[in-house]
Amino acid sequence: MAYELDIDPAARAQIAALPPEGLGALVEAFEVLSLVPERGEPVNAANPTGGLYQLPFGSGRGLITYLLLQDQDRVDVLVVMWIAFT
């Protein structure tokens, strides 16, 4: 079963600003999210079933924060961050 990815407008803007290596890594991370979104870590360790998760990508340079809506087979991507080294 594949989950539908719904990308928040703010996350779309963050994705548009990613460098090429970040985009490639993000594509791989989105594949993981669409198949096994439970692979991420809960944002709140005190509430591990709360539905809000984070998934590192790009060798730890990126981080996706998302809401897992299992009953709807949907993943809402809320934030995409990338650390650029100068």
C-alpha atoms as a PDB file:
ATOM      1  CA  MET A   1       0.000   0.000   0.000  1.00  0.00           C
ATOM      2  CA  ALA A   2       1.311   3.436  -0.886  1.00  0.00           C
ATOM      3  CA  TYR A   3       0.565   6.579   1.061  1.00  0.00           C
ATOM      4  CA  GLU A   4      -0.428   9.786  -0.700  1.00  0.00           C
ATOM      5  CA  LEU A   5       1.967  12.678  -0.059  1.00  0.00           C
ATOM      6  CA  ASP A   6       0.310  16.044   0.514  1.00  0.00           C
ATOM      7  CA  ILE A   7       2.902  18.814   0.549  1.00  0.00           C
ATOM      8  CA  ASP A   8       2.098  22.000   2.446  1.00  0.00           C
ATOM      9  CA  PRO A   9       2.600  25.259   0.491  1.00  0.00           C
ATOM     10  CA  ALA A  10       5.315  26.382   2.928  1.00  0.00           C
ATOM     11  CA  ALA A  11       7.135  23.070   2.396  1.00  0.00           C
ATOM     12  CA  ARG A  12       6.820  23.553  -1.380  1.00  0.00           C
ATOM     13  CA  ALA A  13       8.669  26.860  -1.048  1.00  0.00           C
ATOM     14  CA  GLN A  14      11.363  25.180   1.058  1.00  0.00           C
ATOM     15  CA  ILE A  15      11.715  22.418  -1.551  1.00  0.00           C
ATOM     16  CA  ALA A  16      12.078  25.005  -4.321  1.00  0.00           C
ATOM     17  CA  ALA A  17      15.075  26.458  -2.463  1.00  0.00           C
ATOM     18  CA  LEU A  18      16.925  23.123  -2.119  1.00  0.00           C
ATOM     19  CA  PRO A  19      20.247  22.679  -3.919  1.00  0.00           C
ATOM     20  CA  PRO A  20      20.476  19.894  -6.543  1.00  0.00           C
ATOM     21  CA  GLU A  21      21.977  17.368  -4.099  1.00  0.00           C
ATOM     22  CA  GLY A  22      19.154  18.101  -1.662  1.00  0.00           C
ATOM     23  CA  LEU A  23      16.521  17.531  -4.327  1.00  0.00           C
ATOM     24  CA  GLY A  24      17.957  14.149  -5.255  1.00  0.00           C
ATOM     25  CA  ALA A  25      18.039  13.058  -1.624  1.00  0.00           C
ATOM     26  CA  LEU A  26      14.514  14.377  -1.086  1.00  0.00           C
ATOM     27  CA  VAL A  27      13.161  12.244  -3.934  1.00  0.00           C
ATOM     28  CA  GLU A  28      14.556   9.158  -2.184  1.00  0.00           C
ATOM     29  CA  ALA A  29      13.099  10.268   1.163  1.00  0.00           C
ATOM     30  CA  PHE A  30       9.683  10.822  -0.430  1.00  0.00           C
ATOM     31  CA  GLU A  31       9.807   7.265  -1.760  1.00  0.00           C
ATOM     32  CA  VAL A  32      10.365   6.034   1.802  1.00  0.00           C
ATOM     33  CA  LEU A  33       7.521   8.197   3.115  1.00  0.00           C
ATOM     34  CA  SER A  34       5.130   6.901   0.492  1.00  0.00           C
ATOM     35  CA  LEU A  35       5.872   3.273   1.393  1.00  0.00           C
ATOM     36  CA  VAL A  36       6.874   3.156   5.091  1.00  0.00           C
ATOM     37  CA  PRO A  37       6.243   6.526   6.765  1.00  0.00           C
ATOM     38  CA  GLU A  38       6.541   4.891  10.184  1.00  0.00           C
ATOM     39  CA  ARG A  39      10.295   4.826   9.606  1.00  0.00           C
ATOM     40  CA  GLY A  40      10.556   8.398  10.877  1.00  0.00           C
ATOM     41  CA  GLU A  41      11.077   9.286  14.531  1.00  0.00           C
ATOM     42  CA  PRO A  42       8.240  10.766  16.606  1.00  0.00           C
ATOM     43  CA  VAL A  43       8.760  14.490  17.231  1.00  0.00           C
ATOM     44  CA  ASN A  44       7.507  14.052  20.800  1.00  0.00           C
ATOM     45  CA  ALA A  45       9.063  11.000  22.464  1.00  0.00           C
ATOM     46  CA  ALA A  46       6.476  11.280  25.251  1.00  0.00           C
ATOM     47  CA  ASN A  47       3.725  10.807  22.646  1.00  0.00           C
ATOM     48  CA  PRO A  48       5.162   8.336  20.105  1.00  0.00           C
ATOM     49  CA  THR A  49       1.784   7.618  18.510  1.00  0.00           C
ATOM     50  CA  GLY A  50       0.820  11.279  18.131  1.00  0.00           C
ATOM     51  CA  GLY A  51       1.315  11.170  14.379  1.00  0.00           C
ATOM     52  CA  LEU A  52       3.954  13.907  14.060  1.00  0.00           C
ATOM     53  CA  TYR A  53       7.283  12.545  12.779  1.00  0.00           C
ATOM     54  CA  GLN A  54      10.666  13.628  11.458  1.00  0.00           C
ATOM     55  CA  LEU A  55      12.746  11.825   8.845  1.00  0.00           C
ATOM     56  CA  PRO A  56      16.377  12.776   8.197  1.00  0.00           C
ATOM     57  CA  PHE A  57      17.562  12.596   4.583  1.00  0.00           C
ATOM     58  CA  GLY A  58      20.616  13.490   2.529  1.00  0.00           C
ATOM     59  CA  SER A  59      23.167  11.966   4.945  1.00  0.00           C
ATOM     60  CA  GLY A  60      21.618  13.922   7.793  1.00  0.00           C
ATOM     61  CA  ARG A  61      21.779  17.307   6.080  1.00  0.00           C
ATOM     62  CA  GLY A  62      18.022  17.416   5.561  1.00  0.00           C
ATOM     63  CA  LEU A  63      15.010  16.895   7.780  1.00  0.00           C
ATOM     64  CA  ILE A  64      11.362  16.375   6.859  1.00  0.00           C
ATOM     65  CA  THR A  65       8.665  17.010   9.455  1.00  0.00           C
ATOM     66  CA  TYR A  66       5.370  15.362   8.605  1.00  0.00           C
ATOM     67  CA  LEU A  67       2.007  14.282   9.919  1.00  0.00           C
ATOM     68  CA  LEU A  68       1.073  10.636   9.371  1.00  0.00           C
ATOM     69  CA  LEU A  69      -2.650  10.105   8.821  1.00  0.00           C
ATOM     70  CA  GLN A  70      -2.792   6.305   8.636  1.00  0.00           C
ATOM     71  CA  ASP A  71      -6.585   6.126   8.556  1.00  0.00           C
ATOM     72  CA  GLN A  72      -6.505   8.243   5.370  1.00  0.00           C
ATOM     73  CA  ASP A  73      -3.378   6.616   3.857  1.00  0.00           C
ATOM     74  CA  ARG A  74      -1.860  10.087   3.714  1.00  0.00           C
ATOM     75  CA  VAL A  75       1.352  11.820   4.745  1.00  0.00           C
ATOM     76  CA  ASP A  76       1.198  15.600   5.127  1.00  0.00           C
ATOM     77  CA  VAL A  77       4.678  17.067   4.582  1.00  0.00           C
ATOM     78  CA  LEU A  78       4.836  20.184   6.751  1.00  0.00           C
ATOM     79  CA  VAL A  79       8.497  21.305   6.806  1.00  0.00           C
ATOM     80  CA  VAL A  80      11.566  20.491   4.698  1.00  0.00           C
ATOM     81  CA  MET A  81      14.895  21.774   6.020  1.00  0.00           C
ATOM     82  CA  TRP A  82      18.385  21.559   4.524  1.00  0.00           C
ATOM     83  CA  ILE A  83      21.684  22.569   6.111  1.00  0.00           C
ATOM     84  CA  ALA A  84      24.055  24.182   3.630  1.00  0.00           C
ATOM     85  CA  PHE A  85      27.737  24.101   4.476  1.00  0.00           C
ATOM     86  CA  THR A  86      29.807  27.041   3.329  1.00  0.00           C
END
